[in-house]
N, C-alpha and C. Protein backbone atom coordinates (compact mmCIF):
# COMPACT_ATOMS: atom_id res chain seq x y z
N MET A 1 101.22 -45.18 -12.42
CA MET A 1 102.20 -46.60 -12.75
C MET A 1 102.29 -46.62 -14.11
N LYS A 2 103.09 -46.25 -14.57
CA LYS A 2 103.10 -47.07 -15.83
C LYS A 2 103.44 -48.71 -16.48
N SER A 3 102.16 -48.56 -17.66
CA SER A 3 102.38 -49.86 -18.31
C SER A 3 103.70 -50.76 -18.40
N LYS A 4 104.96 -50.14 -18.51
CA LYS A 4 106.00 -50.93 -18.66
C LYS A 4 106.58 -51.00 -17.02
N HIS A 5 105.93 -50.95 -16.22
CA HIS A 5 106.62 -50.73 -14.68
C HIS A 5 105.60 -51.72 -13.74
N GLN A 6 104.96 -51.75 -14.65
CA GLN A 6 103.54 -53.01 -14.26
C GLN A 6 103.76 -54.47 -14.83
N ARG A 7 104.31 -54.29 -15.90
CA ARG A 7 104.65 -56.12 -16.76
C ARG A 7 106.67 -55.82 -15.70
N LEU A 8 107.28 -54.86 -15.97
CA LEU A 8 108.71 -55.60 -14.50
C LEU A 8 108.15 -55.95 -13.58
N LEU A 9 106.68 -55.55 -12.80
CA LEU A 9 106.70 -55.72 -11.30
C LEU A 9 106.30 -56.92 -11.35
N PHE A 10 105.60 -57.20 -12.24
CA PHE A 10 104.53 -58.70 -12.51
C PHE A 10 105.53 -59.66 -12.75
N ILE A 11 107.50 -59.14 -13.78
CA ILE A 11 107.78 -60.12 -14.32
C ILE A 11 108.57 -60.52 -12.21
N ALA A 12 109.21 -59.50 -11.82
CA ALA A 12 109.74 -59.97 -10.79
C ALA A 12 108.73 -60.33 -9.77
N VAL A 13 107.72 -60.28 -9.21
CA VAL A 13 107.28 -61.04 -8.32
C VAL A 13 106.99 -62.51 -9.05
N SER A 14 106.70 -62.58 -10.46
CA SER A 14 106.63 -63.97 -11.02
C SER A 14 107.86 -64.67 -10.78
N MET A 15 108.56 -63.93 -10.64
CA MET A 15 110.37 -64.92 -10.81
C MET A 15 110.19 -65.19 -8.90
N VAL A 16 110.31 -64.38 -8.18
CA VAL A 16 110.43 -64.81 -6.36
C VAL A 16 109.45 -65.98 -6.68
N PHE A 17 108.05 -65.92 -6.76
CA PHE A 17 107.23 -67.14 -6.77
C PHE A 17 107.59 -68.12 -7.05
N LEU A 18 108.26 -68.29 -8.77
CA LEU A 18 109.20 -69.44 -9.35
C LEU A 18 110.23 -69.76 -8.46
N CYS A 19 111.02 -69.10 -8.10
CA CYS A 19 112.19 -69.08 -7.09
C CYS A 19 111.89 -70.02 -5.96
N THR A 20 110.65 -69.20 -4.89
CA THR A 20 109.98 -70.10 -3.84
C THR A 20 109.54 -71.61 -4.19
N ALA A 21 108.87 -71.78 -5.37
CA ALA A 21 108.19 -72.91 -5.93
C ALA A 21 109.26 -74.00 -5.57
N GLY A 22 110.47 -73.45 -6.64
CA GLY A 22 111.40 -74.93 -7.07
C GLY A 22 112.43 -75.22 -5.24
N LEU A 23 112.60 -74.25 -4.54
CA LEU A 23 113.08 -74.13 -3.31
C LEU A 23 112.04 -75.36 -2.65
N LEU A 24 111.23 -75.53 -2.25
CA LEU A 24 110.76 -75.58 -1.57
C LEU A 24 110.28 -77.30 -2.76
N ALA A 25 110.09 -76.97 -4.22
CA ALA A 25 109.99 -78.60 -4.56
C ALA A 25 111.70 -79.40 -4.38
N LEU A 26 112.72 -79.06 -4.19
CA LEU A 26 113.86 -79.38 -4.18
C LEU A 26 114.25 -79.61 -2.49
N ARG A 27 113.41 -79.02 -1.35
CA ARG A 27 113.68 -79.46 -0.86
C ARG A 27 112.58 -80.71 -0.05
N ALA A 28 111.79 -80.32 -0.07
CA ALA A 28 110.47 -82.07 -0.24
C ALA A 28 111.46 -83.52 -0.84
N PHE A 29 111.88 -83.59 -2.29
CA PHE A 29 112.90 -83.95 -2.77
C PHE A 29 114.00 -84.51 -1.99
N ARG A 30 114.69 -83.76 -1.37
CA ARG A 30 115.43 -83.85 -0.67
C ARG A 30 115.22 -85.08 0.48
N ASP A 31 114.25 -84.43 1.12
CA ASP A 31 113.44 -85.16 2.35
C ASP A 31 113.58 -86.97 2.12
N ASN A 32 113.36 -87.13 0.59
CA ASN A 32 112.85 -88.06 0.12
C ASN A 32 113.94 -89.14 -0.61
N LEU A 33 114.70 -88.76 -0.76
CA LEU A 33 116.02 -89.25 -1.28
C LEU A 33 116.65 -90.01 -0.31
N VAL A 34 116.86 -91.31 -1.01
CA VAL A 34 117.94 -92.44 -0.34
C VAL A 34 118.88 -92.90 -1.24
N PHE A 35 119.98 -92.93 -0.41
CA PHE A 35 121.64 -93.49 -1.02
C PHE A 35 121.75 -94.56 -1.34
N PHE A 36 122.52 -95.72 -2.04
CA PHE A 36 123.19 -96.51 -1.59
C PHE A 36 124.44 -96.29 -1.77
N TYR A 37 124.46 -97.64 -0.90
CA TYR A 37 126.31 -97.69 -0.05
C TYR A 37 126.39 -99.20 -0.24
N SER A 38 127.62 -99.32 -0.32
CA SER A 38 127.88 -100.85 -0.38
C SER A 38 128.31 -100.69 1.02
N PRO A 39 128.61 -101.63 1.34
CA PRO A 39 128.95 -102.00 2.72
C PRO A 39 130.82 -101.19 3.27
N SER A 40 131.64 -101.15 1.78
CA SER A 40 132.80 -100.62 2.21
C SER A 40 132.19 -99.34 2.06
N GLU A 41 131.93 -98.90 1.15
CA GLU A 41 132.09 -96.88 1.55
C GLU A 41 130.56 -96.94 2.54
N LEU A 42 130.20 -97.18 3.30
CA LEU A 42 129.93 -97.07 4.05
C LEU A 42 130.65 -97.34 5.31
N ALA A 43 131.40 -98.03 5.60
CA ALA A 43 132.66 -98.12 6.18
C ALA A 43 133.44 -96.74 6.46
N ASP A 44 133.85 -96.05 4.97
CA ASP A 44 134.51 -95.04 4.94
C ASP A 44 133.67 -93.86 4.91
N ARG A 45 132.36 -93.70 4.84
CA ARG A 45 131.81 -92.30 5.37
C ARG A 45 131.10 -92.00 6.24
N HIS A 46 131.30 -90.87 6.95
CA HIS A 46 130.11 -90.77 7.86
C HIS A 46 128.23 -90.38 7.62
N ILE A 47 127.62 -91.48 7.74
CA ILE A 47 126.28 -91.15 7.44
C ILE A 47 125.91 -91.05 9.02
N PRO A 48 124.82 -90.00 9.44
CA PRO A 48 124.00 -89.54 10.63
C PRO A 48 122.62 -90.76 10.81
N PRO A 49 122.79 -91.11 11.81
CA PRO A 49 121.56 -92.44 12.62
C PRO A 49 120.53 -92.42 11.90
N ASN A 50 120.13 -90.94 11.95
CA ASN A 50 118.79 -90.92 11.46
C ASN A 50 118.27 -90.81 9.78
N GLN A 51 119.29 -91.23 8.85
CA GLN A 51 119.61 -90.80 7.38
C GLN A 51 119.45 -92.43 6.60
N LEU A 52 118.09 -92.55 5.94
CA LEU A 52 117.40 -93.60 5.48
C LEU A 52 118.27 -93.75 4.36
N VAL A 53 118.63 -94.86 4.35
CA VAL A 53 119.88 -95.08 3.24
C VAL A 53 119.81 -96.48 2.53
N ARG A 54 120.25 -97.16 1.58
CA ARG A 54 119.65 -98.63 1.43
C ARG A 54 121.84 -99.23 1.42
N ILE A 55 121.89 -100.34 1.42
CA ILE A 55 123.28 -101.22 1.31
C ILE A 55 123.40 -102.48 0.33
N GLY A 56 124.07 -102.65 -0.58
CA GLY A 56 124.04 -103.98 -0.77
C GLY A 56 124.84 -104.75 -1.24
N GLY A 57 125.21 -105.92 -1.34
CA GLY A 57 125.93 -106.84 -1.30
C GLY A 57 125.12 -107.94 -1.30
N LEU A 58 126.47 -108.78 -1.06
CA LEU A 58 125.92 -109.98 -1.02
C LEU A 58 125.81 -111.35 0.09
N VAL A 59 124.55 -111.53 0.82
CA VAL A 59 124.42 -112.24 2.27
C VAL A 59 125.69 -113.38 2.40
N GLU A 60 125.99 -113.11 3.69
CA GLU A 60 127.54 -113.86 3.76
C GLU A 60 126.85 -115.39 4.01
N LYS A 61 127.60 -116.22 3.27
CA LYS A 61 127.48 -117.89 3.84
C LYS A 61 127.88 -117.81 5.47
N GLY A 62 126.55 -118.86 6.35
CA GLY A 62 126.39 -119.13 7.64
C GLY A 62 126.61 -117.98 7.94
N SER A 63 126.10 -116.33 8.07
CA SER A 63 125.18 -115.58 8.65
C SER A 63 123.76 -115.06 8.74
N VAL A 64 123.06 -115.60 8.51
CA VAL A 64 121.72 -116.15 8.69
C VAL A 64 121.40 -117.13 9.97
N VAL A 65 120.91 -115.60 11.05
CA VAL A 65 120.81 -115.95 12.37
C VAL A 65 119.17 -115.72 12.80
N ARG A 66 118.24 -116.67 12.77
CA ARG A 66 116.71 -116.27 13.03
C ARG A 66 116.13 -116.15 14.11
N GLY A 67 115.43 -115.20 14.11
CA GLY A 67 114.97 -115.43 16.23
C GLY A 67 113.48 -116.24 15.90
N ASP A 68 112.88 -116.02 16.99
CA ASP A 68 112.18 -116.34 17.27
C ASP A 68 110.57 -115.62 17.45
N GLN A 69 110.77 -114.17 17.11
CA GLN A 69 108.89 -113.60 17.31
C GLN A 69 110.03 -112.88 15.31
N GLY A 70 110.40 -113.43 14.74
CA GLY A 70 110.29 -113.03 13.59
C GLY A 70 111.33 -111.80 13.03
N GLN A 71 112.83 -112.15 13.80
CA GLN A 71 113.69 -111.72 14.04
C GLN A 71 114.77 -111.90 13.10
N LEU A 72 115.57 -111.46 12.26
CA LEU A 72 116.41 -111.98 11.61
C LEU A 72 117.95 -110.86 11.67
N THR A 73 119.40 -111.86 11.99
CA THR A 73 120.20 -110.99 11.51
C THR A 73 121.20 -111.91 10.70
N PHE A 74 121.77 -111.12 9.93
CA PHE A 74 122.38 -110.96 8.53
C PHE A 74 123.56 -110.09 9.00
N VAL A 75 124.66 -110.87 8.03
CA VAL A 75 125.66 -110.12 7.41
C VAL A 75 125.65 -109.85 5.62
N ILE A 76 125.77 -108.41 5.23
CA ILE A 76 125.49 -108.36 3.96
C ILE A 76 127.49 -108.17 3.98
N THR A 77 128.23 -107.86 2.70
CA THR A 77 129.38 -108.22 2.18
C THR A 77 129.36 -107.75 1.25
N ASP A 78 130.47 -107.23 0.83
CA ASP A 78 131.46 -106.47 -0.71
C ASP A 78 132.61 -107.39 -0.86
N GLY A 79 132.84 -108.18 0.33
CA GLY A 79 134.49 -108.28 -0.18
C GLY A 79 134.93 -107.68 0.72
N LYS A 80 135.12 -106.28 0.72
CA LYS A 80 135.81 -105.52 1.40
C LYS A 80 135.76 -105.13 3.25
N SER A 81 134.64 -105.11 2.88
CA SER A 81 133.67 -104.83 4.62
C SER A 81 132.72 -105.92 5.12
N SER A 82 131.77 -105.46 5.57
CA SER A 82 131.13 -106.34 6.07
C SER A 82 129.90 -105.62 6.96
N VAL A 83 128.50 -105.50 7.33
CA VAL A 83 127.83 -104.99 7.20
C VAL A 83 126.49 -105.79 8.68
N SER A 84 126.48 -105.68 9.54
CA SER A 84 125.60 -106.95 10.23
C SER A 84 124.12 -105.50 10.19
N VAL A 85 123.47 -106.65 10.08
CA VAL A 85 121.88 -106.93 9.82
C VAL A 85 120.64 -106.87 10.48
N PHE A 86 119.78 -105.90 11.10
CA PHE A 86 118.94 -106.12 11.78
C PHE A 86 117.88 -106.91 10.89
N TYR A 87 116.79 -107.60 10.79
CA TYR A 87 115.49 -106.92 10.26
C TYR A 87 114.39 -107.94 11.17
N ARG A 88 112.90 -107.20 10.59
CA ARG A 88 112.39 -107.98 11.47
C ARG A 88 111.06 -107.81 10.48
N GLY A 89 110.23 -108.77 10.15
CA GLY A 89 109.20 -108.58 9.19
C GLY A 89 109.67 -109.96 8.24
N LEU A 90 108.75 -109.70 6.94
CA LEU A 90 108.71 -110.62 5.84
C LEU A 90 109.54 -110.85 5.12
N LEU A 91 110.14 -111.86 4.79
CA LEU A 91 111.53 -111.98 3.69
C LEU A 91 110.78 -112.21 1.87
N PRO A 92 111.95 -111.75 1.15
CA PRO A 92 111.23 -111.61 -0.49
C PRO A 92 111.43 -113.88 0.05
N GLN A 93 110.72 -114.29 -0.51
CA GLN A 93 110.66 -116.38 -0.62
C GLN A 93 112.15 -116.40 -1.26
N LEU A 94 113.45 -114.89 -2.39
CA LEU A 94 114.50 -115.52 -3.26
C LEU A 94 115.50 -115.01 -1.81
N PHE A 95 115.58 -114.92 -0.82
CA PHE A 95 116.13 -114.66 0.06
C PHE A 95 117.25 -115.30 0.47
N ARG A 96 118.20 -116.02 0.49
CA ARG A 96 119.00 -117.28 0.90
C ARG A 96 120.41 -116.59 0.70
N GLU A 97 121.42 -117.34 1.63
CA GLU A 97 122.88 -116.86 1.95
C GLU A 97 123.86 -117.14 0.48
N GLY A 98 124.44 -116.16 0.37
CA GLY A 98 125.28 -115.78 -0.93
C GLY A 98 124.85 -115.59 -1.72
N GLN A 99 123.43 -114.77 -1.82
CA GLN A 99 122.70 -114.48 -3.02
C GLN A 99 122.71 -112.58 -2.93
N GLY A 100 122.28 -111.68 -3.79
CA GLY A 100 122.73 -110.46 -4.01
C GLY A 100 121.42 -109.78 -2.79
N VAL A 101 121.59 -109.01 -2.42
CA VAL A 101 120.48 -108.00 -1.66
C VAL A 101 120.86 -106.95 -1.16
N VAL A 102 119.57 -105.69 -1.42
CA VAL A 102 119.79 -104.40 -1.02
C VAL A 102 118.46 -104.66 0.55
N ALA A 103 118.78 -104.09 1.40
CA ALA A 103 118.33 -103.78 2.81
C ALA A 103 118.26 -101.74 2.74
N GLU A 104 117.27 -101.65 2.88
CA GLU A 104 116.37 -100.67 3.63
C GLU A 104 116.51 -99.63 4.32
N GLY A 105 117.38 -99.13 5.39
CA GLY A 105 116.90 -98.84 6.67
C GLY A 105 118.14 -97.98 7.38
N ARG A 106 118.28 -97.77 8.44
CA ARG A 106 119.23 -96.74 9.46
C ARG A 106 119.99 -97.95 9.83
N LEU A 107 121.47 -96.87 10.34
CA LEU A 107 122.30 -96.85 10.67
C LEU A 107 121.73 -96.74 12.59
N SER A 108 122.01 -97.93 12.83
CA SER A 108 122.01 -97.79 14.47
C SER A 108 123.25 -97.28 15.36
N ASN A 109 124.34 -97.37 14.72
CA ASN A 109 126.21 -97.72 15.30
C ASN A 109 126.72 -97.96 14.00
N PRO A 110 127.88 -97.59 13.72
CA PRO A 110 128.76 -97.97 12.84
C PRO A 110 128.94 -99.41 13.23
N GLY A 111 128.76 -100.27 12.35
CA GLY A 111 128.89 -101.53 11.41
C GLY A 111 127.40 -102.37 11.22
N HIS A 112 126.13 -101.44 12.33
CA HIS A 112 125.23 -102.02 12.42
C HIS A 112 124.30 -101.34 11.61
N PHE A 113 122.79 -102.11 10.61
CA PHE A 113 122.01 -101.51 10.58
C PHE A 113 121.08 -102.28 10.69
N VAL A 114 119.54 -101.37 11.09
CA VAL A 114 118.20 -101.58 11.64
C VAL A 114 117.89 -101.78 10.14
N ALA A 115 117.32 -102.69 9.23
CA ALA A 115 116.85 -102.75 7.65
C ALA A 115 115.01 -102.29 7.88
N THR A 116 113.76 -101.67 7.11
CA THR A 116 112.96 -101.56 7.17
C THR A 116 112.68 -102.42 6.39
N THR A 117 113.26 -102.56 4.89
CA THR A 117 112.91 -103.34 3.53
C THR A 117 114.00 -103.93 3.09
N ILE A 118 113.32 -105.24 2.76
CA ILE A 118 114.51 -105.81 2.14
C ILE A 118 114.75 -106.29 0.55
N LEU A 119 114.86 -106.30 -0.01
CA LEU A 119 114.86 -107.08 -1.87
C LEU A 119 116.05 -107.86 -1.74
N ALA A 120 115.74 -108.78 -2.46
CA ALA A 120 116.48 -109.39 -3.17
C ALA A 120 116.25 -110.28 -5.48
N LYS A 121 117.03 -110.74 -4.83
CA LYS A 121 116.80 -110.35 -6.53
C LYS A 121 115.89 -111.62 -7.56
N HIS A 122 115.52 -111.19 -8.38
CA HIS A 122 114.22 -111.67 -8.54
C HIS A 122 114.58 -112.68 -9.79
N ASP A 123 115.55 -113.13 -10.35
CA ASP A 123 116.21 -114.16 -10.82
C ASP A 123 117.02 -114.48 -11.06
N GLU A 124 117.70 -115.45 -11.93
CA GLU A 124 120.15 -115.21 -11.48
C GLU A 124 119.76 -114.40 -12.66
N ARG A 125 119.64 -113.39 -13.11
CA ARG A 125 120.41 -112.66 -14.08
C ARG A 125 119.91 -111.58 -13.75
N TYR A 126 119.22 -111.49 -13.07
CA TYR A 126 119.17 -109.87 -12.45
C TYR A 126 119.75 -109.61 -10.89
N MET A 127 120.35 -107.99 -10.86
CA MET A 127 120.56 -107.79 -9.83
C MET A 127 121.02 -106.11 -9.94
N PRO A 128 120.83 -105.47 -8.97
CA PRO A 128 120.64 -103.41 -9.50
C PRO A 128 122.24 -103.42 -9.67
N ARG A 129 122.09 -102.64 -10.50
CA ARG A 129 122.97 -102.18 -11.31
C ARG A 129 124.35 -101.76 -10.35
N ASP A 130 123.79 -100.87 -9.03
CA ASP A 130 124.30 -100.19 -8.45
C ASP A 130 125.75 -101.88 -7.47
N VAL A 131 124.44 -102.92 -7.73
CA VAL A 131 125.21 -104.38 -6.24
C VAL A 131 126.18 -104.61 -7.24
N VAL A 132 125.97 -105.17 -8.62
CA VAL A 132 126.77 -105.73 -9.55
C VAL A 132 128.46 -104.37 -9.86
N GLU A 133 127.63 -102.96 -9.67
CA GLU A 133 129.40 -102.52 -9.93
C GLU A 133 130.11 -102.32 -8.72
N ALA A 134 129.38 -102.58 -7.56
CA ALA A 134 130.10 -102.76 -5.93
C ALA A 134 130.65 -104.09 -6.00
N LEU A 135 130.65 -105.34 -6.48
CA LEU A 135 131.19 -105.89 -6.38
C LEU A 135 132.11 -106.50 -7.21
N LYS A 136 132.07 -105.97 -7.81
CA LYS A 136 133.27 -105.78 -9.54
C LYS A 136 134.53 -104.70 -9.09
N ARG A 137 133.95 -104.02 -8.37
CA ARG A 137 134.94 -103.14 -7.65
C ARG A 137 136.22 -103.70 -6.37
N SER A 138 135.22 -104.72 -5.65
CA SER A 138 135.96 -105.54 -4.69
C SER A 138 136.20 -107.10 -5.75
N GLY A 139 136.13 -107.17 -6.70
CA GLY A 139 136.32 -108.32 -7.07
C GLY A 139 136.20 -109.68 -6.97
N ARG A 140 134.83 -109.01 -6.67
CA ARG A 140 134.05 -110.37 -5.38
C ARG A 140 132.69 -110.93 -6.96
N TRP A 141 132.91 -110.30 -7.93
CA TRP A 141 131.26 -110.39 -9.18
C TRP A 141 131.53 -111.40 -9.84
N ARG A 142 130.77 -112.22 -9.82
CA ARG A 142 130.51 -113.61 -10.62
C ARG A 142 129.64 -112.71 -11.68
N ALA A 143 129.98 -113.38 -13.11
CA ALA A 143 128.75 -113.16 -14.45
C ALA A 143 128.68 -114.05 -14.25
N THR A 144 126.73 -114.71 -14.44
CA THR A 144 126.08 -115.61 -14.81
C THR A 144 125.92 -115.85 -16.43
N PRO A 145 125.52 -117.26 -17.01
CA PRO A 145 125.79 -117.40 -18.43
C PRO A 145 123.70 -116.58 -18.88
């Protein structure tokens, strides 16, 4: 085989190897990707029950119900739609009604969300950008000085 053909073969095999490695990396990334939705977006889209998602908005006042075994049920709203959230575990100390929250978990059925992680804002000035944008779109955003 001529050296020119050897180089072409080497380049072709290298390209196949790089493409395969790239596809495997993209597949691994897709499995770990978590999408963020507001309650309105969640109602408009069809999300498979096993897909990991994050929802964000405000904890609706009067909606927090604590169970006897560390269970918690509350409602996240963006002013247009609401999602009922079930959570079992430790809550952030800053979790309270009327505050911004992000919940990560899976839909059990439309309108009901089983959370595995709850994130609350850490001071008066911070709120995740996605939550702020969703609240601005719904007209419920109130800026803090």
